[in-house]
C-alpha atoms as a PDB file:
ATOM      1  CA  UNK A   1       9.798  14.272  20.140  1.00  0.00           C
ATOM      2  CA  UNK A   2      10.386  10.814  21.622  1.00  0.00           C
ATOM      3  CA  UNK A   3       7.890   8.209  20.451  1.00  0.00           C
ATOM      4  CA  UNK A   4       7.595   4.543  21.453  1.00  0.00           C
ATOM      5  CA  UNK A   5       9.726   2.512  19.029  1.00  0.00           C
ATOM      6  CA  UNK A   6       8.086   0.198  16.552  1.00  0.00           C
ATOM      7  CA  UNK A   7       8.728  -3.524  16.828  1.00  0.00           C
ATOM      8  CA  UNK A   8      10.091  -5.742  14.066  1.00  0.00           C
ATOM      9  CA  UNK A   9       6.657  -6.816  12.822  1.00  0.00           C
ATOM     10  CA  UNK A  10       5.553  -3.204  12.558  1.00  0.00           C
ATOM     11  CA  UNK A  11       8.774  -2.103  10.860  1.00  0.00           C
ATOM     12  CA  UNK A  12       8.480  -4.855   8.255  1.00  0.00           C
ATOM     13  CA  UNK A  13       4.772  -4.400   7.524  1.00  0.00           C
ATOM     14  CA  UNK A  14       3.641  -7.606   9.220  1.00  0.00           C
ATOM     15  CA  UNK A  15       1.529  -5.814  11.846  1.00  0.00           C
ATOM     16  CA  UNK A  16      -1.000  -2.977  11.721  1.00  0.00           C
ATOM     17  CA  UNK A  17      -1.198  -2.355  15.475  1.00  0.00           C
ATOM     18  CA  UNK A  18       0.498   1.055  15.160  1.00  0.00           C
ATOM     19  CA  UNK A  19      -1.983   2.472  12.643  1.00  0.00           C
ATOM     20  CA  UNK A  20      -5.193   4.487  12.626  1.00  0.00           C
ATOM     21  CA  UNK A  21      -7.568   4.838   9.688  1.00  0.00           C
ATOM     22  CA  UNK A  22      -8.358   8.222   8.174  1.00  0.00           C
ATOM     23  CA  UNK A  23     -11.779   9.190   6.828  1.00  0.00           C
ATOM     24  CA  UNK A  24     -10.411   8.508   3.351  1.00  0.00           C
ATOM     25  CA  UNK A  25      -9.645   4.917   4.306  1.00  0.00           C
ATOM     26  CA  UNK A  26      -5.886   5.417   4.192  1.00  0.00           C
ATOM     27  CA  UNK A  27      -3.900   4.418   7.273  1.00  0.00           C
ATOM     28  CA  UNK A  28      -1.096   6.228   9.107  1.00  0.00           C
ATOM     29  CA  UNK A  29       0.727   5.933  12.402  1.00  0.00           C
ATOM     30  CA  UNK A  30      -1.367   7.699  15.046  1.00  0.00           C
ATOM     31  CA  UNK A  31       1.393  10.220  15.798  1.00  0.00           C
ATOM     32  CA  UNK A  32       1.519  11.337  12.148  1.00  0.00           C
ATOM     33  CA  UNK A  33      -2.158  12.267  11.826  1.00  0.00           C
ATOM     34  CA  UNK A  34      -2.146  15.695  13.570  1.00  0.00           C
ATOM     35  CA  UNK A  35       0.800  16.913  11.465  1.00  0.00           C
ATOM     36  CA  UNK A  36      -0.790  15.548   8.293  1.00  0.00           C
ATOM     37  CA  UNK A  37      -4.087  17.291   9.006  1.00  0.00           C
ATOM     38  CA  UNK A  38      -2.336  20.580   9.774  1.00  0.00           C
ATOM     39  CA  UNK A  39      -0.355  20.367   6.532  1.00  0.00           C
ATOM     40  CA  UNK A  40      -3.502  19.639   4.498  1.00  0.00           C
ATOM     41  CA  UNK A  41      -5.179  22.731   5.952  1.00  0.00           C
ATOM     42  CA  UNK A  42      -2.155  24.931   5.236  1.00  0.00           C
ATOM     43  CA  UNK A  43      -1.875  23.669   1.661  1.00  0.00           C
ATOM     44  CA  UNK A  44      -5.589  24.319   1.111  1.00  0.00           C
ATOM     45  CA  UNK A  45      -5.060  27.967   2.029  1.00  0.00           C
ATOM     46  CA  UNK A  46      -2.642  28.113  -0.907  1.00  0.00           C
ATOM     47  CA  UNK A  47      -5.097  26.450  -3.281  1.00  0.00           C
ATOM     48  CA  UNK A  48      -3.553  22.961  -3.088  1.00  0.00           C
ATOM     49  CA  UNK A  49      -5.685  19.940  -2.179  1.00  0.00           C
ATOM     50  CA  UNK A  50      -3.212  17.360  -0.942  1.00  0.00           C
ATOM     51  CA  UNK A  51      -4.538  13.841  -1.325  1.00  0.00           C
ATOM     52  CA  UNK A  52      -2.775  10.498  -0.800  1.00  0.00           C
ATOM     53  CA  UNK A  53      -2.265   7.927  -3.501  1.00  0.00           C
ATOM     54  CA  UNK A  54      -0.692   5.583  -0.984  1.00  0.00           C
ATOM     55  CA  UNK A  55       0.123   5.585   2.730  1.00  0.00           C
ATOM     56  CA  UNK A  56       0.647   2.370   4.718  1.00  0.00           C
ATOM     57  CA  UNK A  57       1.321  -0.770   2.695  1.00  0.00           C
ATOM     58  CA  UNK A  58       1.604  -4.148   4.360  1.00  0.00           C
ATOM     59  CA  UNK A  59       4.276  -6.751   3.709  1.00  0.00           C
ATOM     60  CA  UNK A  60       1.702  -8.781   1.783  1.00  0.00           C
ATOM     61  CA  UNK A  61       0.724  -5.809  -0.401  1.00  0.00           C
ATOM     62  CA  UNK A  62       4.359  -5.039  -1.140  1.00  0.00           C
ATOM     63  CA  UNK A  63       5.030  -8.717  -1.875  1.00  0.00           C
ATOM     64  CA  UNK A  64       2.167  -8.708  -4.394  1.00  0.00           C
ATOM     65  CA  UNK A  65       3.621  -5.668  -6.175  1.00  0.00           C
ATOM     66  CA  UNK A  66       7.059  -7.299  -6.087  1.00  0.00           C
ATOM     67  CA  UNK A  67       5.702 -10.554  -7.531  1.00  0.00           C
ATOM     68  CA  UNK A  68       3.961  -8.742 -10.385  1.00  0.00           C
ATOM     69  CA  UNK A  69       7.055  -6.761 -11.274  1.00  0.00           C
ATOM     70  CA  UNK A  70       9.301  -9.812 -11.132  1.00  0.00           C
ATOM     71  CA  UNK A  71       7.048 -11.674 -13.571  1.00  0.00           C
ATOM     72  CA  UNK A  72       6.410  -8.717 -15.883  1.00  0.00           C
ATOM     73  CA  UNK A  73       2.717  -8.524 -14.964  1.00  0.00           C
ATOM     74  CA  UNK A  74       3.234  -4.933 -13.779  1.00  0.00           C
ATOM     75  CA  UNK A  75       5.380  -2.463 -15.757  1.00  0.00           C
ATOM     76  CA  UNK A  76       8.903  -1.577 -14.662  1.00  0.00           C
ATOM     77  CA  UNK A  77      10.400   1.755 -15.705  1.00  0.00           C
ATOM     78  CA  UNK A  78      13.887   3.216 -15.804  1.00  0.00           C
ATOM     79  CA  UNK A  79      14.739   6.778 -14.763  1.00  0.00           C
ATOM     80  CA  UNK A  80      13.820   8.073 -18.229  1.00  0.00           C
ATOM     81  CA  UNK A  81      10.354   6.490 -17.769  1.00  0.00           C
ATOM     82  CA  UNK A  82      11.095   3.940 -20.469  1.00  0.00           C
ATOM     83  CA  UNK A  83       9.706   0.430 -20.077  1.00  0.00           C
ATOM     84  CA  UNK A  84      12.172  -2.241 -18.987  1.00  0.00           C
ATOM     85  CA  UNK A  85      11.659  -5.854 -20.028  1.00  0.00           C
ATOM     86  CA  UNK A  86      12.522  -7.515 -16.714  1.00  0.00           C
ATOM     87  CA  UNK A  87      11.980 -10.971 -18.183  1.00  0.00           C
ATOM     88  CA  UNK A  88      15.160 -10.419 -20.175  1.00  0.00           C
ATOM     89  CA  UNK A  89      17.097  -9.671 -16.962  1.00  0.00           C
ATOM     90  CA  UNK A  90      18.473 -11.991 -14.299  1.00  0.00           C
ATOM     91  CA  UNK A  91      20.270 -11.733 -10.975  1.00  0.00           C
ATOM     92  CA  UNK A  92      21.296  -8.344  -9.647  1.00  0.00           C
ATOM     93  CA  UNK A  93      20.312  -6.540 -12.863  1.00  0.00           C
ATOM     94  CA  UNK A  94      16.728  -7.663 -12.439  1.00  0.00           C
ATOM     95  CA  UNK A  95      16.601  -6.659  -8.787  1.00  0.00           C
ATOM     96  CA  UNK A  96      18.192  -3.297  -9.530  1.00  0.00           C
ATOM     97  CA  UNK A  97      15.625  -2.523 -12.237  1.00  0.00           C
ATOM     98  CA  UNK A  98      12.700  -3.250  -9.912  1.00  0.00           C
ATOM     99  CA  UNK A  99      14.151  -1.617  -6.798  1.00  0.00           C
ATOM    100  CA  UNK A 100      14.507   1.718  -8.568  1.00  0.00           C
ATOM    101  CA  UNK A 101      10.819   2.431  -7.917  1.00  0.00           C
ATOM    102  CA  UNK A 102       9.521  -0.493  -5.831  1.00  0.00           C
ATOM    103  CA  UNK A 103      10.791  -1.381  -2.378  1.00  0.00           C
ATOM    104  CA  UNK A 104      11.611  -4.917  -1.344  1.00  0.00           C
ATOM    105  CA  UNK A 105       8.837  -6.404   0.838  1.00  0.00           C
ATOM    106  CA  UNK A 106       9.756  -5.794   4.464  1.00  0.00           C
ATOM    107  CA  UNK A 107      12.014  -2.940   3.413  1.00  0.00           C
ATOM    108  CA  UNK A 108       9.460  -0.283   2.457  1.00  0.00           C
ATOM    109  CA  UNK A 109       9.198   2.902   4.514  1.00  0.00           C
ATOM    110  CA  UNK A 110       5.464   2.693   3.820  1.00  0.00           C
ATOM    111  CA  UNK A 111       5.303  -0.154   6.350  1.00  0.00           C
ATOM    112  CA  UNK A 112       5.946   2.327   9.162  1.00  0.00           C
ATOM    113  CA  UNK A 113       2.857   4.479   8.677  1.00  0.00           C
ATOM    114  CA  UNK A 114       5.082   7.536   8.324  1.00  0.00           C
ATOM    115  CA  UNK A 115       5.017   7.858   4.523  1.00  0.00           C
ATOM    116  CA  UNK A 116       2.576   9.361   2.037  1.00  0.00           C
ATOM    117  CA  UNK A 117       2.592   9.477  -1.768  1.00  0.00           C
ATOM    118  CA  UNK A 118       0.722  12.686  -2.632  1.00  0.00           C
ATOM    119  CA  UNK A 119      -0.846  14.608  -5.481  1.00  0.00           C
ATOM    120  CA  UNK A 120      -2.927  17.780  -5.821  1.00  0.00           C
ATOM    121  CA  UNK A 121      -6.539  16.700  -6.299  1.00  0.00           C
ATOM    122  CA  UNK A 122      -7.584  20.239  -7.247  1.00  0.00           C
ATOM    123  CA  UNK A 123      -5.160  20.359 -10.181  1.00  0.00           C
ATOM    124  CA  UNK A 124      -6.155  16.847 -11.201  1.00  0.00           C
ATOM    125  CA  UNK A 125      -9.841  17.831 -11.363  1.00  0.00           C
ATOM    126  CA  UNK A 126      -9.200  21.063 -13.262  1.00  0.00           C
ATOM    127  CA  UNK A 127      -7.132  19.220 -15.847  1.00  0.00           C
ATOM    128  CA  UNK A 128      -9.281  16.056 -15.840  1.00  0.00           C
ATOM    129  CA  UNK A 129      -6.041  14.223 -15.074  1.00  0.00           C
ATOM    130  CA  UNK A 130      -5.295  10.862 -13.440  1.00  0.00           C
ATOM    131  CA  UNK A 131      -1.972  10.931 -11.536  1.00  0.00           C
ATOM    132  CA  UNK A 132       0.635   8.375 -12.598  1.00  0.00           C
ATOM    133  CA  UNK A 133       3.425   9.348 -10.177  1.00  0.00           C
ATOM    134  CA  UNK A 134       5.781  10.358 -12.957  1.00  0.00           C
ATOM    135  CA  UNK A 135       8.490  12.823 -11.795  1.00  0.00           C
ATOM    136  CA  UNK A 136       7.678  15.166 -14.696  1.00  0.00           C
ATOM    137  CA  UNK A 137       4.216  15.765 -13.192  1.00  0.00           C
ATOM    138  CA  UNK A 138       5.874  17.638 -10.310  1.00  0.00           C
ATOM    139  CA  UNK A 139       8.484  19.533 -12.300  1.00  0.00           C
ATOM    140  CA  UNK A 140       8.020  23.055 -13.762  1.00  0.00           C
ATOM    141  CA  UNK A 141       5.292  22.863 -16.381  1.00  0.00           C
ATOM    142  CA  UNK A 142       3.882  19.636 -14.921  1.00  0.00           C
ATOM    143  CA  UNK A 143       0.290  19.287 -13.782  1.00  0.00           C
ATOM    144  CA  UNK A 144       1.385  19.085 -10.123  1.00  0.00           C
ATOM    145  CA  UNK A 145       4.254  21.590 -10.327  1.00  0.00           C
ATOM    146  CA  UNK A 146       2.656  23.935  -7.789  1.00  0.00           C
ATOM    147  CA  UNK A 147       2.175  21.118  -5.297  1.00  0.00           C
ATOM    148  CA  UNK A 148       5.716  19.860  -5.892  1.00  0.00           C
ATOM    149  CA  UNK A 149       7.178  23.283  -5.115  1.00  0.00           C
ATOM    150  CA  UNK A 150       4.930  23.681  -2.084  1.00  0.00           C
ATOM    151  CA  UNK A 151       6.043  20.343  -0.653  1.00  0.00           C
ATOM    152  CA  UNK A 152       9.702  21.237  -1.165  1.00  0.00           C
ATOM    153  CA  UNK A 153       9.395  24.579   0.603  1.00  0.00           C
ATOM    154  CA  UNK A 154       6.607  24.135   3.145  1.00  0.00           C
ATOM    155  CA  UNK A 155       6.430  20.486   4.262  1.00  0.00           C
ATOM    156  CA  UNK A 156       9.283  20.993   6.711  1.00  0.00           C
ATOM    157  CA  UNK A 157       7.094  23.321   8.788  1.00  0.00           C
ATOM    158  CA  UNK A 158       5.026  20.266   9.674  1.00  0.00           C
ATOM    159  CA  UNK A 159       8.011  17.944  10.266  1.00  0.00           C
ATOM    160  CA  UNK A 160       7.690  16.229   6.876  1.00  0.00           C
ATOM    161  CA  UNK A 161      10.526  15.860   4.349  1.00  0.00           C
ATOM    162  CA  UNK A 162      11.258  14.315   0.956  1.00  0.00           C
ATOM    163  CA  UNK A 163      13.499  11.257   1.515  1.00  0.00           C
ATOM    164  CA  UNK A 164      13.856  10.734  -2.239  1.00  0.00           C
ATOM    165  CA  UNK A 165      14.008  14.341  -3.386  1.00  0.00           C
ATOM    166  CA  UNK A 166      17.089  13.489  -5.457  1.00  0.00           C
ATOM    167  CA  UNK A 167      18.481  10.240  -6.848  1.00  0.00           C
ATOM    168  CA  UNK A 168      21.383   9.091  -4.656  1.00  0.00           C
ATOM    169  CA  UNK A 169      22.163   5.759  -6.281  1.00  0.00           C
ATOM    170  CA  UNK A 170      19.282   3.782  -4.819  1.00  0.00           C
ATOM    171  CA  UNK A 171      15.622   4.762  -5.091  1.00  0.00           C
ATOM    172  CA  UNK A 172      14.779   7.080  -7.985  1.00  0.00           C
ATOM    173  CA  UNK A 173      13.715  10.662  -7.301  1.00  0.00           C
ATOM    174  CA  UNK A 174      10.130  10.659  -5.994  1.00  0.00           C
ATOM    175  CA  UNK A 175       8.883  14.247  -5.577  1.00  0.00           C
ATOM    176  CA  UNK A 176       5.514  12.895  -4.405  1.00  0.00           C
ATOM    177  CA  UNK A 177       6.886  10.866  -1.464  1.00  0.00           C
ATOM    178  CA  UNK A 178       6.697  12.579   1.926  1.00  0.00           C
ATOM    179  CA  UNK A 179       7.984  11.227   5.236  1.00  0.00           C
ATOM    180  CA  UNK A 180       7.184  12.259   8.810  1.00  0.00           C
ATOM    181  CA  UNK A 181      10.685  12.928  10.095  1.00  0.00           C
ATOM    182  CA  UNK A 182      10.352  12.548  13.931  1.00  0.00           C
ATOM    183  CA  UNK A 183       9.099   8.966  13.726  1.00  0.00           C
ATOM    184  CA  UNK A 184      10.740   7.914  10.455  1.00  0.00           C
ATOM    185  CA  UNK A 185      14.184   8.753  11.850  1.00  0.00           C
ATOM    186  CA  UNK A 186      13.513   6.510  14.842  1.00  0.00           C
ATOM    187  CA  UNK A 187      12.278   3.730  12.587  1.00  0.00           C
ATOM    188  CA  UNK A 188      15.339   3.879  10.354  1.00  0.00           C
ATOM    189  CA  UNK A 189      17.656   3.849  13.374  1.00  0.00           C
ATOM    190  CA  UNK A 190      15.848   0.813  14.806  1.00  0.00           C
ATOM    191  CA  UNK A 191      15.517  -1.128  11.544  1.00  0.00           C
ATOM    192  CA  UNK A 192      18.111  -3.931  11.381  1.00  0.00           C
ATOM    193  CA  UNK A 193      19.335  -6.084   8.518  1.00  0.00           C
ATOM    194  CA  UNK A 194      19.032  -9.246  10.614  1.00  0.00           C
ATOM    195  CA  UNK A 195      15.337  -8.563  11.257  1.00  0.00           C
ATOM    196  CA  UNK A 196      14.681  -7.996   7.564  1.00  0.00           C
ATOM    197  CA  UNK A 197      16.513 -11.222   6.689  1.00  0.00           C
ATOM    198  CA  UNK A 198      14.459 -13.207   9.209  1.00  0.00           C
ATOM    199  CA  UNK A 199      11.185 -11.722   7.948  1.00  0.00           C
ATOM    200  CA  UNK A 200      11.876 -12.592   4.316  1.00  0.00           C
ATOM    201  CA  UNK A 201      12.874 -16.147   5.266  1.00  0.00           C
ATOM    202  CA  UNK A 202       9.626 -16.493   7.215  1.00  0.00           C
ATOM    203  CA  UNK A 203       7.521 -14.959   4.416  1.00  0.00           C
ATOM    204  CA  UNK A 204       9.078 -16.041   1.080  1.00  0.00           C
ATOM    205  CA  UNK A 205       8.902 -13.737  -1.939  1.00  0.00           C
ATOM    206  CA  UNK A 206       9.683 -13.878  -5.652  1.00  0.00           C
ATOM    207  CA  UNK A 207      13.413 -14.212  -6.452  1.00  0.00           C
ATOM    208  CA  UNK A 208      13.956 -15.270  -2.830  1.00  0.00           C
ATOM    209  CA  UNK A 209      17.413 -16.814  -3.224  1.00  0.00           C
ATOM    210  CA  UNK A 210      18.953 -13.925  -5.163  1.00  0.00           C
ATOM    211  CA  UNK A 211      17.319 -11.387  -2.830  1.00  0.00           C
ATOM    212  CA  UNK A 212      18.843 -13.028   0.243  1.00  0.00           C
ATOM    213  CA  UNK A 213      22.230 -13.211  -1.475  1.00  0.00           C
ATOM    214  CA  UNK A 214      22.249  -9.470  -2.134  1.00  0.00           C
ATOM    215  CA  UNK A 215      20.286  -8.413   0.943  1.00  0.00           C
ATOM    216  CA  UNK A 216      23.133  -6.492   2.662  1.00  0.00           C
ATOM    217  CA  UNK A 217      23.661  -4.439  -0.505  1.00  0.00           C
ATOM    218  CA  UNK A 218      19.924  -3.851  -0.915  1.00  0.00           C
ATOM    219  CA  UNK A 219      19.603  -2.766   2.717  1.00  0.00           C
ATOM    220  CA  UNK A 220      22.455  -0.280   2.455  1.00  0.00           C
ATOM    221  CA  UNK A 221      21.591   1.156  -0.944  1.00  0.00           C
ATOM    222  CA  UNK A 222      17.782   1.228  -0.843  1.00  0.00           C
ATOM    223  CA  UNK A 223      16.987   1.580   2.877  1.00  0.00           C
ATOM    224  CA  UNK A 224      19.787   3.576   4.462  1.00  0.00           C
ATOM    225  CA  UNK A 225      20.559   5.892   1.527  1.00  0.00           C
ATOM    226  CA  UNK A 226      18.096   8.785   1.596  1.00  0.00           C
ATOM    227  CA  UNK A 227      18.121  12.567   1.239  1.00  0.00           C
ATOM    228  CA  UNK A 228      18.530  14.303   4.580  1.00  0.00           C
ATOM    229  CA  UNK A 229      15.834  16.717   5.777  1.00  0.00           C
ATOM    230  CA  UNK A 230      16.556  20.318   4.855  1.00  0.00           C
ATOM    231  CA  UNK A 231      17.079  22.596   7.856  1.00  0.00           C
END
């Protein structure tokens, strides 16, 4: 499937021209919607009510999250789900701690409209549970274990995959994060370091100087390093 490429402003979350709004209020790229709806229907037949926690996020939304994490206003966790005191960290250590679970503004796949963070609303209701997007929720014995297994085995039928199924040295494992492969692959191939650099300079963020210093490393480790779709 060949789709029109996204421009720099769309790739970096500075434009919403590529999006449509779902009945739920969440936004996705128009080409993703039919596959998403088909997957929701198939999951429902297996007793799973797929519901987004997050889809598109703009540059400004991501910058707000980034700001809060840099200042300690929003919690930062390590891979063992232990709190990290980012105010005791500086330089690359601070960036590394935040980037484990939160993308750099302009660098989030959620900007593309191809990504969804999902949970099983049926299981949440039965258990009177509020999802926290903790990996243990999707592991055997977790409240969303059935949904996690379904996404691993069935999402590929609808051209979705788990880009962070396993930790590969960049973003932590996110068993809730699904990506629409046909368009996401095009976006990643089109996304350039120089465009990201220019966007951040135009729209300053917290820790701007240290971010720009390490931007090539961030781009390679947290943007280009993903899990490949399973065939």
